[in-house]
Every structure is written in structure tokens, then in C-alpha cells.
Amino acid sequence: MRVLVFGAGSLGSLLGGLLARAHDVTLVGRDPHVERVRTEGLRITGEYAERVEPAATTAVPAERFDLALVAVKAFDTAAAAEALAGADLDVVLSVQNGLDNERTLASALDAEVLAGTCTYGARLTDPGTVACTGRGDVALGPPDGGGSPVAESVGAALRAADIETVVAADMPRRCWAKLAVNAGINAVTALSRVENGALVDGTAGEPARRAAEEVARVAREEGVELTDDAAVGAVERVAAATSANRSSMLQDVEGRKRTEIDAINGVVVDRADAAVPVNETLTALVRGWERERGLRSSEEA
């Protein structure tokens, strides 16, 4: 299978590198990472010890691909769709944070778009090197739920590369559960500057659990059955399985980059029918940090 990975950051590089063990993979990302992969290959460390040689470029090739895996930040989804429109794609799989990325992609691309969640931990340690900080799984399926032969085919391709994969008919619930995990882990670890494992039995775990409970309540308001216990349990399982991982939002803060707070805790605030005080507080604090560093204008919510 010919696979295009758009967004060769931490997660995109890890999944693309693992896929390259069985498929023809092209990574699309930024230099100097892309240049190092192009000249020396991609090293995967941590839970794996692999060296693979995917193609790597900074622009989407105007070629045909069986699958495009999208792993960019949620605020870059529209730009990703515009860039991907130059390729001939059969299927697009989003493994992004937040909600509704699939609709943005589907509105611009002539391809079937699948929703995906991923619990692998990943971190770019150097140009050309990505560390897997925790093994997990990928779940994928139609964004509105139900079955799909295309989803089964993509699932089989991921399994062929020894990526733990579930083809799921309940992707709406899984996407909200993923949002609960991200809402519980990302902002809390970014603000307290701790690895995911600190949420398992440390004091930072309490706001993480309460944030997840608020996500579950909003999911139920939107007709998605997600219990408080299921949301909290997902946070605890992922935090434990990726205990050494520095969350994507923590990595953004450490790198003085704009975060995905709008697509994670912020979307919970926007969709809630009643107050969600923990998510409101986390959103305000991270947005405040962004504004003070010129990463967000004063006009933005």
C-alpha cells in the first residue's frame, strides 16, 4: 500500500515509521527533520529499535496514494485539506486531536475520510529520530459510526505493519473518550510541567479526572453514551501506559509553540450546556500563556 503521512511530527513520524516496515510510505513534514530522514532514514527508539527508510518531503507530491494519514495539529486541518487536494487519494485517516477534523477534510477532498484515535506515545528527540514512549493501539472507522469495508482494508494494512489496530463501529464514542483523555492529560501536564505518569497517583490527577468527567457529561448532552467512569478510566489507563511521555501540549509549551487548547479543553467549554469549571480554568490558563508569548492575538477567544 502507498501511504502518505501528512504531519511528520511526533505521532506522524512514529506511525509512518512503523507503517514503513510493511508499506511504501512518504512522510510530509518540516526541515530539519525531513532532510535528516531523507538522507539517513528514520530511527525509532524507546519501545522499538528500528531504522526505516520512508520517502520524506516538505510538500505533498501530486501522486496517487492508497491512504493519507493526517496527524497535524487541529488548527492546521483546513490547510492540510488544501495541501492534500493536490494528490490523488483513495482514503484519508485522521488521527488528530479534537472533534470534527474529519468533516473539514471530507468537505475539501474527494476521498473517503475515516476517524481514528491513537494511544501510542511519541516524542521527536532529534531530527530523524522519534521515540515511542508507550505502546498503545489505533482505533478507526467511519466518523458517524457503523461498519465500512474501506475501514476494514485500512485496519488490515496497519496490522500488516504490526500496529495494534481495532476497526470500530462506535467511533463517535471513541472520539469523545479520546477527547476526555486529552482534556484530562494535556493541559494539566503542560501547566504543571510533569510527565503523564504523574497523573496516576499524584495530586495533579484530581483535576485531570474532573476534566474528563466534564467531557463525559458534554458527550451525553450530545447524545453520545460515555459514562464518567469510562472517561476517567481512559485517562488513568493512558497516563499509566504512557507514564514516561511528555504530552503533546507539554512539548508545545516547552517549545514555546501554540497549543491545541482550543480543540481540546476549549471545545468542551464551547459545546457545554452548563458550566464546566475545570475545563474553563484549564482553557483560560493555557490561552493566557499563549497570549503572553505572542502565540495568540488579544482578539481571539
Protein backbone atom coordinates (compact mmCIF):
# COMPACT_ATOMS: atom_id res chain seq x y z
CA MET A 1 0.00 0.00 0.00
CA ARG A 2 1.20 3.52 -0.81
CA VAL A 3 0.78 5.67 2.31
CA LEU A 4 1.18 9.43 2.67
CA VAL A 5 1.67 10.74 6.21
CA PHE A 6 0.81 14.43 6.38
CA GLY A 7 2.24 15.90 9.56
CA ALA A 8 5.53 14.16 10.32
CA GLY A 9 5.79 15.39 13.88
CA SER A 10 5.99 13.04 16.85
CA LEU A 11 2.95 10.84 16.24
CA GLY A 12 3.02 11.09 12.45
CA SER A 13 6.67 10.06 12.37
CA LEU A 14 6.08 7.13 14.71
CA LEU A 15 3.08 5.76 12.84
CA GLY A 16 4.70 6.47 9.48
CA GLY A 17 7.89 4.76 10.58
CA LEU A 18 6.03 1.70 11.80
CA LEU A 19 3.99 1.57 8.57
CA ALA A 20 7.21 1.77 6.55
CA ARG A 21 8.10 -1.71 7.82
CA ALA A 22 5.40 -3.10 5.51
CA HIS A 23 4.36 -0.37 3.08
CA ASP A 24 5.64 2.32 0.72
CA VAL A 25 5.48 5.42 2.96
CA THR A 26 6.06 9.11 2.25
CA LEU A 27 6.37 11.49 5.19
CA VAL A 28 5.40 15.15 4.72
CA GLY A 29 6.84 17.46 7.36
CA ARG A 30 9.33 20.20 8.06
CA ASP A 31 13.08 20.51 7.90
CA PRO A 32 15.48 19.71 9.50
CA HIS A 33 13.58 16.53 10.42
CA VAL A 34 12.55 15.75 6.85
CA GLU A 35 16.03 16.37 5.47
CA ARG A 36 17.57 14.02 8.04
CA VAL A 37 15.04 11.29 7.25
CA ARG A 38 15.67 11.76 3.54
CA THR A 39 19.44 11.36 3.88
CA GLU A 40 19.82 8.98 6.82
CA GLY A 41 16.46 7.26 7.33
CA LEU A 42 14.18 7.39 10.36
CA ARG A 43 15.29 5.93 13.69
CA ILE A 44 12.61 4.69 16.10
CA THR A 45 13.78 4.32 19.69
CA GLY A 46 12.19 3.69 23.08
CA GLU A 47 9.70 0.84 22.89
CA TYR A 48 11.12 -0.08 19.48
CA ALA A 49 14.61 -0.26 17.99
CA GLU A 50 14.07 0.24 14.29
CA ARG A 51 15.61 2.08 11.37
CA VAL A 52 13.40 2.54 8.31
CA GLU A 53 13.74 4.49 5.09
CA PRO A 54 10.46 6.17 4.12
CA ALA A 55 10.45 8.88 1.48
CA ALA A 56 10.36 12.34 3.05
CA THR A 57 9.39 15.73 1.65
CA THR A 58 8.15 19.14 2.72
CA ALA A 59 5.33 19.26 0.14
CA VAL A 60 2.58 16.85 -0.88
CA PRO A 61 3.55 15.02 -4.09
CA ALA A 62 1.00 15.24 -6.91
CA GLU A 63 0.75 11.45 -6.99
CA ARG A 64 -1.69 8.68 -6.15
CA PHE A 65 -1.78 7.22 -2.65
CA ASP A 66 -3.97 4.45 -1.28
CA LEU A 67 -4.06 6.09 2.15
CA ALA A 68 -3.30 9.51 3.59
CA LEU A 69 -2.80 9.58 7.34
CA VAL A 70 -3.33 13.09 8.76
CA ALA A 71 -1.52 13.90 12.00
CA VAL A 72 -1.27 17.70 12.03
CA LYS A 73 -2.46 20.00 14.82
CA ALA A 74 -6.20 20.58 14.74
CA PHE A 75 -5.81 24.27 13.91
CA ASP A 76 -3.95 23.23 10.72
CA THR A 77 -6.67 20.89 9.42
CA ALA A 78 -8.04 23.28 6.79
CA ALA A 79 -4.54 23.94 5.48
CA ALA A 80 -3.88 20.19 5.42
CA ALA A 81 -7.01 19.61 3.36
CA GLU A 82 -5.93 22.28 0.89
CA ALA A 83 -2.46 20.73 0.55
CA LEU A 84 -3.79 17.19 0.20
CA ALA A 85 -6.15 18.25 -2.60
CA GLY A 86 -3.15 18.16 -4.92
CA ALA A 87 -2.77 14.40 -4.52
CA ASP A 88 -4.96 11.54 -5.76
CA LEU A 89 -6.17 9.88 -2.56
CA ASP A 90 -8.37 6.84 -2.03
CA VAL A 91 -8.80 7.07 1.74
CA VAL A 92 -7.93 9.62 4.42
CA LEU A 93 -7.50 8.68 8.09
CA SER A 94 -7.35 11.41 10.74
CA VAL A 95 -5.56 10.60 13.99
CA GLN A 96 -5.76 14.20 15.19
CA ASN A 97 -6.89 15.67 18.47
CA GLY A 98 -10.25 17.39 18.83
CA LEU A 99 -13.59 16.88 17.12
CA ASP A 100 -14.86 17.33 13.55
CA ASN A 101 -11.49 17.27 11.77
CA GLU A 102 -12.98 14.58 9.53
CA ARG A 103 -15.74 16.91 8.34
CA THR A 104 -13.20 19.58 7.43
CA LEU A 105 -11.18 17.05 5.44
CA ALA A 106 -14.23 15.48 3.76
CA SER A 107 -15.56 18.86 2.63
CA ALA A 108 -12.37 19.52 0.64
CA LEU A 109 -11.24 16.08 -0.53
CA ASP A 110 -12.66 13.56 -2.99
CA ALA A 111 -11.86 10.58 -0.77
CA GLU A 112 -13.49 8.54 1.96
CA VAL A 113 -12.49 10.00 5.33
CA LEU A 114 -12.16 7.85 8.44
CA ALA A 115 -11.90 8.86 12.08
CA GLY A 116 -9.08 7.49 14.16
CA THR A 117 -7.76 7.51 17.70
CA CYS A 118 -4.26 6.57 18.78
CA THR A 119 -2.84 5.85 22.23
CA TYR A 120 0.79 5.32 21.23
CA GLY A 121 3.13 7.75 22.98
CA ALA A 122 5.62 9.54 20.74
CA ARG A 123 8.28 12.24 21.01
CA LEU A 124 10.72 13.65 18.47
CA THR A 125 14.07 13.58 20.25
CA ASP A 126 16.29 14.77 17.38
CA PRO A 127 15.91 15.40 13.66
CA GLY A 128 15.46 11.98 12.12
CA THR A 129 14.69 10.26 15.44
CA VAL A 130 11.34 9.56 17.11
CA ALA A 131 10.95 7.80 20.45
CA CYS A 132 7.97 5.58 21.20
CA THR A 133 7.29 6.36 24.84
CA GLY A 134 4.40 3.94 25.20
CA ARG A 135 2.77 1.25 23.09
CA GLY A 136 -0.94 1.57 22.54
CA ASP A 137 -3.39 1.00 19.73
CA VAL A 138 -5.13 2.67 16.82
CA ALA A 139 -8.91 2.54 16.50
CA LEU A 140 -10.52 3.60 13.25
CA GLY A 141 -13.85 3.63 11.47
CA PRO A 142 -16.47 5.86 9.87
CA PRO A 143 -16.76 9.15 11.81
CA ASP A 144 -20.53 8.74 12.23
CA GLY A 145 -20.25 5.12 13.35
CA GLY A 146 -21.14 1.84 11.70
CA GLY A 147 -19.12 -0.53 9.55
CA SER A 148 -17.14 0.06 6.39
CA PRO A 149 -15.23 -2.27 4.03
CA VAL A 150 -12.76 0.58 3.48
CA ALA A 151 -12.12 0.80 7.23
CA GLU A 152 -11.53 -2.95 7.32
CA SER A 153 -8.98 -2.62 4.50
CA VAL A 154 -7.12 0.19 6.26
CA GLY A 155 -7.17 -1.77 9.51
CA ALA A 156 -5.63 -4.76 7.76
CA ALA A 157 -2.88 -2.53 6.34
CA LEU A 158 -1.99 -1.22 9.79
CA ARG A 159 -1.98 -4.70 11.27
CA ALA A 160 0.36 -5.84 8.48
CA ALA A 161 2.87 -3.37 9.94
CA ASP A 162 2.32 -4.83 13.45
CA ILE A 163 0.41 -1.76 14.63
CA GLU A 164 -2.21 -2.82 17.18
CA THR A 165 -5.44 -1.85 15.43
CA VAL A 166 -9.17 -2.03 16.10
CA VAL A 167 -11.74 -1.39 13.37
CA ALA A 168 -14.59 0.11 15.37
CA ALA A 169 -18.26 0.77 14.68
CA ASP A 170 -18.54 3.18 17.62
CA MET A 171 -16.13 5.94 16.59
CA PRO A 172 -18.29 8.81 17.92
CA ARG A 173 -17.98 7.38 21.45
CA ARG A 174 -14.30 6.63 20.95
CA CYS A 175 -13.59 10.16 19.72
CA TRP A 176 -15.29 11.65 22.78
CA ALA A 177 -13.37 9.24 25.01
CA LYS A 178 -10.16 10.36 23.30
CA LEU A 179 -11.20 13.96 23.95
CA ALA A 180 -11.67 13.08 27.62
CA VAL A 181 -8.15 11.64 27.72
CA ASN A 182 -6.66 14.70 26.05
CA ALA A 183 -8.67 17.13 28.17
CA GLY A 184 -7.55 15.33 31.30
CA ILE A 185 -3.89 14.88 30.42
CA ASN A 186 -2.67 17.62 28.08
CA ALA A 187 -3.39 20.91 29.81
CA VAL A 188 -2.73 19.53 33.30
CA THR A 189 0.68 18.17 32.36
CA ALA A 190 1.53 21.30 30.37
CA LEU A 191 0.67 23.64 33.23
CA SER A 192 2.32 21.55 35.93
CA ARG A 193 5.31 20.54 33.73
CA VAL A 194 5.08 16.84 34.56
CA GLU A 195 5.12 13.58 32.59
CA ASN A 196 1.88 11.66 32.09
CA GLY A 197 2.73 9.24 34.89
CA ALA A 198 2.41 12.00 37.49
CA LEU A 199 -1.36 11.88 36.96
CA VAL A 200 -1.66 8.25 38.00
CA ASP A 201 -1.14 8.71 41.74
CA GLY A 202 -0.07 12.35 42.18
CA THR A 203 -2.13 15.38 43.20
CA ALA A 204 -2.33 16.54 39.56
CA GLY A 205 -4.55 13.54 38.89
CA GLU A 206 -7.60 15.12 40.53
CA PRO A 207 -8.11 17.98 38.04
CA ALA A 208 -7.36 15.52 35.24
CA ARG A 209 -10.16 13.23 36.42
CA ARG A 210 -12.61 16.11 36.89
CA ALA A 211 -11.86 17.47 33.42
CA ALA A 212 -12.61 14.03 31.98
CA GLU A 213 -15.90 13.80 33.88
CA GLU A 214 -16.97 17.13 32.39
CA VAL A 215 -16.18 15.83 28.89
CA ALA A 216 -18.32 12.76 29.53
CA ARG A 217 -21.23 14.97 30.61
CA VAL A 218 -20.99 17.09 27.45
CA ALA A 219 -20.78 13.94 25.31
CA ARG A 220 -24.02 12.70 26.85
CA GLU A 221 -25.62 16.08 26.18
CA GLU A 222 -24.80 15.49 22.50
CA GLY A 223 -26.29 12.01 22.50
CA VAL A 224 -23.05 10.02 22.86
CA GLU A 225 -23.11 7.50 25.69
CA LEU A 226 -19.90 7.97 27.67
CA THR A 227 -20.03 7.39 31.41
CA ASP A 228 -17.94 9.33 33.92
CA ASP A 229 -16.24 6.10 34.99
CA ALA A 230 -15.34 5.23 31.39
CA ALA A 231 -13.86 8.69 30.75
CA VAL A 232 -11.84 8.72 33.97
CA GLY A 233 -10.73 5.13 33.45
CA ALA A 234 -9.46 6.01 29.97
CA VAL A 235 -7.40 8.88 31.38
CA GLU A 236 -5.89 6.65 34.04
CA ARG A 237 -5.09 3.83 31.61
CA VAL A 238 -3.42 6.10 29.06
CA ALA A 239 -1.48 8.01 31.72
CA ALA A 240 -0.18 4.74 33.14
CA ALA A 241 0.63 3.22 29.74
CA THR A 242 2.49 6.37 28.63
CA SER A 243 3.89 7.30 32.04
CA ALA A 244 7.24 8.45 30.64
CA ASN A 245 5.64 10.51 27.89
CA ARG A 246 5.62 14.29 27.86
CA SER A 247 2.23 15.14 26.41
CA SER A 248 1.97 16.95 23.09
CA MET A 249 0.78 20.09 24.87
CA LEU A 250 3.67 19.96 27.32
CA GLN A 251 6.04 19.61 24.36
CA ASP A 252 4.39 22.64 22.75
CA VAL A 253 4.76 24.72 25.91
CA GLU A 254 8.38 23.70 26.32
CA GLY A 255 9.00 24.61 22.68
CA ARG A 256 7.10 27.91 23.05
CA LYS A 257 4.62 26.83 20.35
CA ARG A 258 0.89 27.37 20.07
CA THR A 259 -1.06 24.52 21.65
CA GLU A 260 -4.25 22.69 20.72
CA ILE A 261 -6.11 24.02 23.76
CA ASP A 262 -8.98 25.30 21.55
CA ALA A 263 -9.59 21.84 20.06
CA ILE A 264 -9.30 20.02 23.39
CA ASN A 265 -10.49 21.74 26.56
CA GLY A 266 -11.79 24.73 24.61
CA VAL A 267 -14.22 22.66 22.55
CA VAL A 268 -15.64 21.20 25.77
CA VAL A 269 -16.33 24.73 27.01
CA ASP A 270 -17.89 25.74 23.68
CA ARG A 271 -20.24 22.75 23.48
CA ALA A 272 -21.32 22.54 27.11
CA ASP A 273 -24.91 23.42 28.03
CA ALA A 274 -23.85 24.26 31.59
CA ALA A 275 -20.65 25.30 33.32
CA VAL A 276 -17.59 23.05 33.01
CA PRO A 277 -15.38 24.84 35.55
CA VAL A 278 -12.28 22.64 35.32
CA ASN A 279 -12.12 22.83 31.53
CA GLU A 280 -12.90 26.55 31.67
CA THR A 281 -10.00 27.11 34.07
CA LEU A 282 -7.52 24.99 32.11
CA THR A 283 -8.53 26.70 28.85
CA ALA A 284 -8.16 30.18 30.31
CA LEU A 285 -4.74 29.44 31.81
CA VAL A 286 -3.25 27.94 28.64
CA ARG A 287 -4.73 30.66 26.43
CA GLY A 288 -3.29 33.23 28.82
CA TRP A 289 0.16 31.64 28.48
CA GLU A 290 -0.17 31.75 24.67
CA ARG A 291 -1.17 35.42 24.63
CA GLU A 292 1.73 36.47 26.85
CA ARG A 293 4.13 34.83 24.41
CA GLY A 294 2.60 36.30 21.28
CA LEU A 295 1.15 32.98 20.13
CA ARG A 296 -2.45 34.18 20.28
CA SER A 297 -3.86 37.61 19.49
CA SER A 298 -5.85 39.53 22.06
CA GLU A 299 -8.90 39.31 19.77
CA GLU A 300 -9.02 35.53 19.85
CA ALA A 301 -11.33 33.86 22.35
